[in-house]
Amino acid sequence: MAEHADTLEPHDKDVHVRDQFDRMTRKYLLAVLSADIIAEHRRGPGHPSEPLSRLLAWCQRRPLDQQYVVKAEADGTFRLIRLGGVRGRRPAYASEDRFATLEEARHGAFLRHIKDLTGQ
């Protein structure tokens, strides 16, 4: 068994470390997640608190197939799209929700990440 551990490819070890780091990060984020952090994000630009900064960093580090982007529609509204993450897989609308402003759409993407984090 020890021989197998020594023969692991560096990529496999990297995946293991990333998974461990993600589990620890999720545990921390769930512990600090509150209505205050969500309200702080809704208020918009400004210097974010440390918990909000960590949550935003986690959102940005997620794999491409777990990312959301904002798309401007022809009617002036905005919608969220979930990226395919793999060549050949097309992006798809995350929901039927439409947002009146870009800021509302960005906050909607933030709320989607929180929903993914909490599993709700």
N, C-alpha and C. Protein backbone atom coordinates (compact mmCIF):
# COMPACT_ATOMS: atom_id res chain seq x y z
N MET A 1 0.82 -1.19 0.00
CA MET A 1 0.00 0.00 0.00
C MET A 1 0.86 1.25 0.00
N ALA A 2 1.97 1.23 0.74
CA ALA A 2 2.86 2.39 0.79
C ALA A 2 3.46 2.67 -0.57
N GLU A 3 3.72 1.60 -1.34
CA GLU A 3 4.29 1.80 -2.67
C GLU A 3 3.31 2.57 -3.54
N HIS A 4 2.02 2.27 -3.42
CA HIS A 4 1.02 2.95 -4.24
C HIS A 4 0.99 4.45 -3.93
N ALA A 5 1.10 4.81 -2.66
CA ALA A 5 1.08 6.23 -2.29
C ALA A 5 2.27 6.96 -2.89
N ASP A 6 3.42 6.29 -3.01
CA ASP A 6 4.60 6.92 -3.58
C ASP A 6 4.50 7.05 -5.10
N THR A 7 3.68 6.23 -5.73
CA THR A 7 3.59 6.25 -7.18
C THR A 7 2.47 7.14 -7.69
N LEU A 8 1.75 7.81 -6.80
CA LEU A 8 0.68 8.71 -7.24
C LEU A 8 1.26 9.82 -8.09
N GLU A 9 0.55 10.16 -9.12
CA GLU A 9 0.96 11.26 -9.98
C GLU A 9 0.81 12.56 -9.21
N PRO A 10 1.64 13.57 -9.50
CA PRO A 10 1.47 14.87 -8.83
C PRO A 10 0.07 15.45 -9.02
N HIS A 11 -0.53 15.19 -10.16
CA HIS A 11 -1.89 15.68 -10.42
C HIS A 11 -2.87 15.09 -9.40
N ASP A 12 -2.75 13.82 -9.11
CA ASP A 12 -3.65 13.18 -8.15
C ASP A 12 -3.49 13.79 -6.77
N LYS A 13 -2.26 14.05 -6.37
CA LYS A 13 -2.02 14.69 -5.07
C LYS A 13 -2.59 16.10 -5.05
N ASP A 14 -2.47 16.79 -6.17
CA ASP A 14 -3.00 18.14 -6.27
C ASP A 14 -4.52 18.13 -6.09
N VAL A 15 -5.19 17.21 -6.72
CA VAL A 15 -6.65 17.10 -6.59
C VAL A 15 -7.02 16.82 -5.15
N HIS A 16 -6.28 15.93 -4.50
CA HIS A 16 -6.55 15.60 -3.10
C HIS A 16 -6.40 16.84 -2.21
N VAL A 17 -5.34 17.59 -2.41
CA VAL A 17 -5.10 18.79 -1.60
C VAL A 17 -6.18 19.83 -1.87
N ARG A 18 -6.54 20.02 -3.12
CA ARG A 18 -7.59 20.99 -3.45
C ARG A 18 -8.92 20.60 -2.82
N ASP A 19 -9.25 19.32 -2.86
CA ASP A 19 -10.50 18.85 -2.24
C ASP A 19 -10.49 19.11 -0.74
N GLN A 20 -9.37 18.83 -0.11
CA GLN A 20 -9.25 19.07 1.34
C GLN A 20 -9.39 20.56 1.65
N PHE A 21 -8.72 21.39 0.87
CA PHE A 21 -8.80 22.84 1.07
C PHE A 21 -10.24 23.32 0.87
N ASP A 22 -10.91 22.79 -0.16
CA ASP A 22 -12.29 23.19 -0.41
C ASP A 22 -13.21 22.79 0.74
N ARG A 23 -13.02 21.60 1.29
CA ARG A 23 -13.83 21.17 2.44
C ARG A 23 -13.62 22.11 3.64
N MET A 24 -12.37 22.47 3.91
CA MET A 24 -12.08 23.36 5.04
C MET A 24 -12.68 24.75 4.78
N THR A 25 -12.56 25.22 3.55
CA THR A 25 -13.09 26.54 3.20
C THR A 25 -14.61 26.55 3.33
N ARG A 26 -15.27 25.53 2.82
CA ARG A 26 -16.73 25.45 2.92
C ARG A 26 -17.18 25.43 4.38
N LYS A 27 -16.46 24.70 5.22
CA LYS A 27 -16.81 24.63 6.64
C LYS A 27 -16.72 26.02 7.27
N TYR A 28 -15.65 26.75 6.96
CA TYR A 28 -15.49 28.11 7.48
C TYR A 28 -16.61 29.01 6.96
N LEU A 29 -16.87 28.96 5.64
CA LEU A 29 -17.87 29.84 5.06
C LEU A 29 -19.26 29.57 5.62
N LEU A 30 -19.59 28.32 5.83
CA LEU A 30 -20.89 28.00 6.43
C LEU A 30 -20.98 28.53 7.86
N ALA A 31 -19.85 28.56 8.56
CA ALA A 31 -19.84 29.06 9.94
C ALA A 31 -20.04 30.57 10.00
N VAL A 32 -19.55 31.31 9.01
CA VAL A 32 -19.64 32.77 9.05
C VAL A 32 -20.78 33.33 8.21
N LEU A 33 -21.42 32.49 7.42
CA LEU A 33 -22.50 32.95 6.55
C LEU A 33 -23.65 33.48 7.40
N SER A 34 -24.08 34.69 7.08
CA SER A 34 -25.17 35.31 7.84
C SER A 34 -25.92 36.29 6.95
N ALA A 35 -27.04 36.75 7.45
CA ALA A 35 -27.82 37.76 6.74
C ALA A 35 -27.03 39.05 6.60
N ASP A 36 -26.15 39.34 7.57
CA ASP A 36 -25.32 40.55 7.50
C ASP A 36 -24.38 40.51 6.32
N ILE A 37 -23.78 39.35 6.04
CA ILE A 37 -22.86 39.24 4.90
C ILE A 37 -23.62 39.42 3.59
N ILE A 38 -24.81 38.84 3.52
CA ILE A 38 -25.62 38.98 2.30
C ILE A 38 -26.03 40.45 2.11
N ALA A 39 -26.42 41.10 3.19
CA ALA A 39 -26.78 42.52 3.11
C ALA A 39 -25.58 43.37 2.73
N GLU A 40 -24.41 43.03 3.25
CA GLU A 40 -23.19 43.76 2.91
C GLU A 40 -22.91 43.66 1.41
N HIS A 41 -23.11 42.48 0.85
CA HIS A 41 -22.89 42.31 -0.59
C HIS A 41 -23.93 43.10 -1.38
N ARG A 42 -25.17 43.09 -0.93
CA ARG A 42 -26.24 43.82 -1.63
C ARG A 42 -25.96 45.32 -1.67
N ARG A 43 -25.37 45.85 -0.58
CA ARG A 43 -25.08 47.29 -0.53
C ARG A 43 -24.12 47.70 -1.63
N GLY A 44 -23.30 46.78 -2.10
CA GLY A 44 -22.46 47.08 -3.25
C GLY A 44 -21.04 47.44 -2.92
N PRO A 45 -20.45 48.24 -3.81
CA PRO A 45 -19.02 48.53 -3.73
C PRO A 45 -18.61 49.10 -2.37
N GLY A 46 -17.39 48.88 -2.08
CA GLY A 46 -16.81 49.31 -0.81
C GLY A 46 -15.84 48.24 -0.37
N HIS A 47 -15.14 48.50 0.70
CA HIS A 47 -14.18 47.52 1.20
C HIS A 47 -14.94 46.43 1.95
N PRO A 48 -14.93 45.20 1.42
CA PRO A 48 -15.70 44.13 2.07
C PRO A 48 -15.03 43.62 3.34
N SER A 49 -15.83 43.09 4.23
CA SER A 49 -15.31 42.48 5.45
C SER A 49 -14.53 41.22 5.06
N GLU A 50 -13.76 40.70 6.00
CA GLU A 50 -12.98 39.49 5.71
C GLU A 50 -13.87 38.30 5.35
N PRO A 51 -14.94 38.03 6.10
CA PRO A 51 -15.79 36.89 5.70
C PRO A 51 -16.36 37.05 4.29
N LEU A 52 -16.80 38.25 3.93
CA LEU A 52 -17.33 38.46 2.59
C LEU A 52 -16.22 38.31 1.55
N SER A 53 -15.04 38.81 1.84
CA SER A 53 -13.90 38.65 0.92
C SER A 53 -13.59 37.19 0.68
N ARG A 54 -13.61 36.40 1.73
CA ARG A 54 -13.33 34.97 1.57
C ARG A 54 -14.42 34.27 0.78
N LEU A 55 -15.66 34.67 1.02
CA LEU A 55 -16.78 34.08 0.28
C LEU A 55 -16.68 34.44 -1.20
N LEU A 56 -16.36 35.68 -1.51
CA LEU A 56 -16.21 36.09 -2.90
C LEU A 56 -15.04 35.39 -3.57
N ALA A 57 -13.95 35.21 -2.84
CA ALA A 57 -12.80 34.48 -3.39
C ALA A 57 -13.17 33.04 -3.69
N TRP A 58 -13.94 32.41 -2.79
CA TRP A 58 -14.38 31.03 -3.02
C TRP A 58 -15.24 30.96 -4.28
N CYS A 59 -16.13 31.94 -4.46
CA CYS A 59 -16.99 31.96 -5.65
C CYS A 59 -16.15 32.03 -6.92
N GLN A 60 -15.11 32.83 -6.90
CA GLN A 60 -14.27 33.01 -8.08
C GLN A 60 -13.38 31.81 -8.36
N ARG A 61 -13.05 31.03 -7.34
CA ARG A 61 -12.16 29.87 -7.51
C ARG A 61 -12.90 28.60 -7.91
N ARG A 62 -14.20 28.64 -7.93
CA ARG A 62 -14.96 27.43 -8.25
C ARG A 62 -14.65 26.98 -9.68
N PRO A 63 -14.79 25.68 -9.95
CA PRO A 63 -14.56 25.19 -11.31
C PRO A 63 -15.50 25.88 -12.31
N LEU A 64 -15.10 25.93 -13.56
CA LEU A 64 -15.88 26.64 -14.57
C LEU A 64 -17.32 26.16 -14.67
N ASP A 65 -17.54 24.87 -14.53
CA ASP A 65 -18.91 24.38 -14.66
C ASP A 65 -19.78 24.72 -13.45
N GLN A 66 -19.19 25.38 -12.46
CA GLN A 66 -19.94 25.83 -11.29
C GLN A 66 -19.97 27.36 -11.20
N GLN A 67 -19.58 28.01 -12.28
CA GLN A 67 -19.53 29.47 -12.33
C GLN A 67 -20.80 30.02 -12.98
N TYR A 68 -21.14 31.25 -12.62
CA TYR A 68 -22.26 31.95 -13.22
C TYR A 68 -21.75 33.22 -13.88
N VAL A 69 -22.33 33.56 -15.01
CA VAL A 69 -22.01 34.81 -15.67
C VAL A 69 -23.31 35.54 -15.95
N VAL A 70 -23.21 36.84 -16.12
CA VAL A 70 -24.37 37.67 -16.38
C VAL A 70 -24.43 37.96 -17.88
N LYS A 71 -25.61 37.78 -18.46
CA LYS A 71 -25.81 38.04 -19.88
C LYS A 71 -26.85 39.14 -20.03
N ALA A 72 -26.50 40.16 -20.81
CA ALA A 72 -27.44 41.22 -21.12
C ALA A 72 -28.37 40.74 -22.23
N GLU A 73 -29.66 40.84 -22.02
CA GLU A 73 -30.65 40.42 -23.00
C GLU A 73 -31.01 41.61 -23.89
N ALA A 74 -31.62 41.33 -25.02
CA ALA A 74 -32.00 42.38 -25.98
C ALA A 74 -33.03 43.35 -25.40
N ASP A 75 -33.84 42.89 -24.44
CA ASP A 75 -34.86 43.76 -23.86
C ASP A 75 -34.35 44.64 -22.73
N GLY A 76 -33.03 44.60 -22.46
CA GLY A 76 -32.44 45.44 -21.43
C GLY A 76 -32.35 44.79 -20.06
N THR A 77 -32.86 43.58 -19.93
CA THR A 77 -32.75 42.87 -18.66
C THR A 77 -31.47 42.03 -18.66
N PHE A 78 -31.19 41.43 -17.53
CA PHE A 78 -30.01 40.60 -17.38
C PHE A 78 -30.43 39.23 -16.87
N ARG A 79 -29.72 38.19 -17.33
CA ARG A 79 -29.99 36.82 -16.89
C ARG A 79 -28.69 36.15 -16.50
N LEU A 80 -28.81 35.12 -15.66
CA LEU A 80 -27.64 34.35 -15.24
C LEU A 80 -27.49 33.12 -16.11
N ILE A 81 -26.24 32.87 -16.48
CA ILE A 81 -25.92 31.69 -17.28
C ILE A 81 -24.90 30.88 -16.50
N ARG A 82 -25.06 29.57 -16.52
CA ARG A 82 -24.09 28.66 -15.92
C ARG A 82 -23.20 28.14 -17.04
N LEU A 83 -21.90 28.26 -16.86
CA LEU A 83 -20.95 27.84 -17.89
C LEU A 83 -20.93 26.33 -18.03
N GLY A 84 -20.58 25.87 -19.24
CA GLY A 84 -20.50 24.43 -19.50
C GLY A 84 -19.30 23.80 -18.83
N GLY A 85 -18.16 24.49 -18.85
CA GLY A 85 -16.96 24.00 -18.18
C GLY A 85 -16.13 23.03 -19.00
N VAL A 86 -16.71 22.50 -20.07
CA VAL A 86 -16.01 21.53 -20.91
C VAL A 86 -16.24 21.94 -22.36
N ARG A 87 -15.22 21.82 -23.16
CA ARG A 87 -15.35 22.15 -24.57
C ARG A 87 -16.47 21.31 -25.17
N GLY A 88 -17.34 21.99 -25.89
CA GLY A 88 -18.46 21.30 -26.52
C GLY A 88 -19.74 21.33 -25.71
N ARG A 89 -19.65 21.58 -24.42
CA ARG A 89 -20.85 21.68 -23.59
C ARG A 89 -21.26 23.14 -23.55
N ARG A 90 -22.45 23.40 -24.01
CA ARG A 90 -22.91 24.79 -24.10
C ARG A 90 -23.33 25.34 -22.74
N PRO A 91 -23.12 26.63 -22.56
CA PRO A 91 -23.65 27.27 -21.35
C PRO A 91 -25.18 27.20 -21.37
N ALA A 92 -25.79 27.26 -20.21
CA ALA A 92 -27.25 27.21 -20.12
C ALA A 92 -27.74 28.24 -19.11
N TYR A 93 -28.94 28.71 -19.33
CA TYR A 93 -29.52 29.65 -18.37
C TYR A 93 -29.65 28.97 -17.02
N ALA A 94 -29.27 29.68 -15.97
CA ALA A 94 -29.33 29.12 -14.62
C ALA A 94 -30.76 29.10 -14.10
N SER A 95 -31.58 30.04 -14.57
CA SER A 95 -32.98 30.09 -14.17
C SER A 95 -33.72 31.01 -15.14
N GLU A 96 -35.00 31.16 -14.91
CA GLU A 96 -35.81 32.05 -15.73
C GLU A 96 -35.82 33.48 -15.18
N ASP A 97 -35.15 33.69 -14.04
CA ASP A 97 -35.14 35.01 -13.40
C ASP A 97 -34.50 36.04 -14.32
N ARG A 98 -35.09 37.23 -14.32
CA ARG A 98 -34.53 38.37 -15.06
C ARG A 98 -34.30 39.49 -14.06
N PHE A 99 -33.22 40.22 -14.27
CA PHE A 99 -32.83 41.30 -13.36
C PHE A 99 -32.84 42.61 -14.13
N ALA A 100 -33.30 43.67 -13.44
CA ALA A 100 -33.42 44.97 -14.09
C ALA A 100 -32.06 45.66 -14.25
N THR A 101 -31.14 45.43 -13.32
CA THR A 101 -29.84 46.10 -13.39
C THR A 101 -28.71 45.08 -13.29
N LEU A 102 -27.54 45.51 -13.70
CA LEU A 102 -26.36 44.65 -13.63
C LEU A 102 -26.02 44.32 -12.18
N GLU A 103 -26.17 45.29 -11.28
CA GLU A 103 -25.89 45.06 -9.86
C GLU A 103 -26.81 44.01 -9.27
N GLU A 104 -28.09 44.07 -9.64
CA GLU A 104 -29.04 43.06 -9.16
C GLU A 104 -28.67 41.67 -9.69
N ALA A 105 -28.23 41.61 -10.94
CA ALA A 105 -27.84 40.33 -11.53
C ALA A 105 -26.60 39.77 -10.85
N ARG A 106 -25.63 40.63 -10.55
CA ARG A 106 -24.43 40.18 -9.85
C ARG A 106 -24.78 39.67 -8.45
N HIS A 107 -25.69 40.35 -7.79
CA HIS A 107 -26.12 39.89 -6.47
C HIS A 107 -26.89 38.56 -6.60
N GLY A 108 -27.65 38.43 -7.68
CA GLY A 108 -28.34 37.17 -7.94
C GLY A 108 -27.36 36.02 -8.12
N ALA A 109 -26.25 36.28 -8.82
CA ALA A 109 -25.21 35.26 -8.99
C ALA A 109 -24.59 34.91 -7.64
N PHE A 110 -24.38 35.92 -6.80
CA PHE A 110 -23.84 35.70 -5.45
C PHE A 110 -24.78 34.81 -4.65
N LEU A 111 -26.08 35.08 -4.73
CA LEU A 111 -27.06 34.27 -4.01
C LEU A 111 -27.09 32.84 -4.54
N ARG A 112 -26.86 32.68 -5.84
CA ARG A 112 -26.80 31.33 -6.42
C ARG A 112 -25.61 30.56 -5.84
N HIS A 113 -24.46 31.25 -5.71
CA HIS A 113 -23.28 30.60 -5.12
C HIS A 113 -23.57 30.19 -3.68
N ILE A 114 -24.26 31.05 -2.94
CA ILE A 114 -24.61 30.72 -1.56
C ILE A 114 -25.55 29.50 -1.53
N LYS A 115 -26.48 29.47 -2.45
CA LYS A 115 -27.39 28.32 -2.55
C LYS A 115 -26.60 27.04 -2.82
N ASP A 116 -25.61 27.14 -3.71
CA ASP A 116 -24.75 25.98 -3.99
C ASP A 116 -23.95 25.57 -2.75
N LEU A 117 -23.47 26.56 -2.01
CA LEU A 117 -22.67 26.31 -0.81
C LEU A 117 -23.49 25.60 0.25
N THR A 118 -24.71 26.06 0.45
CA THR A 118 -25.54 25.50 1.52
C THR A 118 -26.30 24.25 1.08
N GLY A 119 -26.34 24.00 -0.22
CA GLY A 119 -27.03 22.82 -0.72
C GLY A 119 -28.54 22.97 -0.70
N GLN A 120 -29.03 24.17 -0.67
CA GLN A 120 -30.49 24.38 -0.63
C GLN A 120 -31.04 24.69 -1.99
